[in-house]
Protein backbone atom coordinates (compact mmCIF):
# COMPACT_ATOMS: atom_id res chain seq x y z
CA MET A 1 114.66 96.76 87.55
CA THR A 2 116.38 100.10 88.16
CA SER A 3 119.97 100.63 88.31
CA LYS A 4 119.79 101.41 92.05
CA GLU A 5 118.07 98.03 92.57
CA LEU A 6 120.64 96.20 90.50
CA LEU A 7 123.36 97.79 92.68
CA TYR A 8 121.66 96.69 95.80
CA LEU A 9 121.32 93.06 94.43
CA GLU A 10 124.95 93.02 93.50
CA ASP A 11 125.92 94.27 97.00
CA ALA A 12 123.69 91.73 98.59
CA LEU A 13 125.03 88.78 96.42
CA GLY A 14 128.50 89.89 97.39
CA HIS A 15 127.62 89.85 101.15
CA GLU A 16 125.95 86.48 101.02
CA GLU A 17 129.08 84.79 99.16
CA PHE A 18 131.40 86.36 101.79
CA PHE A 19 129.25 85.03 104.76
CA LYS A 20 128.87 81.75 103.17
CA ASN A 21 132.61 81.28 102.62
CA LYS A 22 133.44 82.57 106.06
CA CYS A 23 130.98 80.19 107.59
CA TYR A 24 132.51 77.18 105.70
CA GLU A 25 135.89 78.51 106.62
CA THR A 26 135.07 78.56 110.33
CA ALA A 27 133.54 75.07 110.14
CA SER A 28 136.47 73.44 108.83
CA ALA A 29 138.45 74.97 111.76
CA LEU A 30 136.10 73.97 114.45
CA GLN A 31 136.84 70.96 116.58
CA ASP A 32 133.53 70.70 118.26
CA GLU A 33 131.27 68.49 116.05
CA ASN A 34 128.02 70.54 117.14
CA LEU A 35 129.70 73.95 116.37
CA ARG A 36 130.94 72.60 113.11
CA HIS A 37 127.42 71.37 112.18
CA CYS A 38 125.91 74.79 113.10
CA ALA A 39 128.41 76.68 110.98
CA GLU A 40 127.84 74.35 108.03
CA GLN A 41 124.17 74.99 108.37
CA MET A 42 124.58 78.76 108.52
CA ALA A 43 126.67 78.43 105.29
CA GLN A 44 124.03 76.52 103.67
CA SER A 45 121.44 79.22 104.58
CA HIS A 46 123.72 81.94 103.09
CA GLU A 47 123.92 79.82 99.88
CA GLN A 48 120.28 79.41 99.56
CA ILE A 49 119.61 83.16 100.20
CA PHE A 50 122.51 83.82 97.33
CA SER A 51 120.38 81.48 95.04
CA SER A 52 117.23 83.21 95.84
CA LEU A 53 118.90 86.96 95.24
CA TYR A 54 120.58 85.46 91.97
CA SER A 55 117.22 84.22 90.55
CA LEU A 56 115.90 87.72 90.84
CA LEU A 57 118.47 88.65 88.18
CA HIS A 58 116.87 85.91 85.57
CA CYS A 59 113.28 86.78 85.76
């Protein structure tokens, strides 16, 4: 993997972690159960994307 590709992965990991945290933060502030569930699902999606990207570093 080139250094440019590694920098891209580092950036992408940071973005996914940020999005995940913001979704969980938003979910905890929501009163509506449906919206809270939706935000939690989005957080889980970002967590899965993070894991997929992270696994590329350990191949």
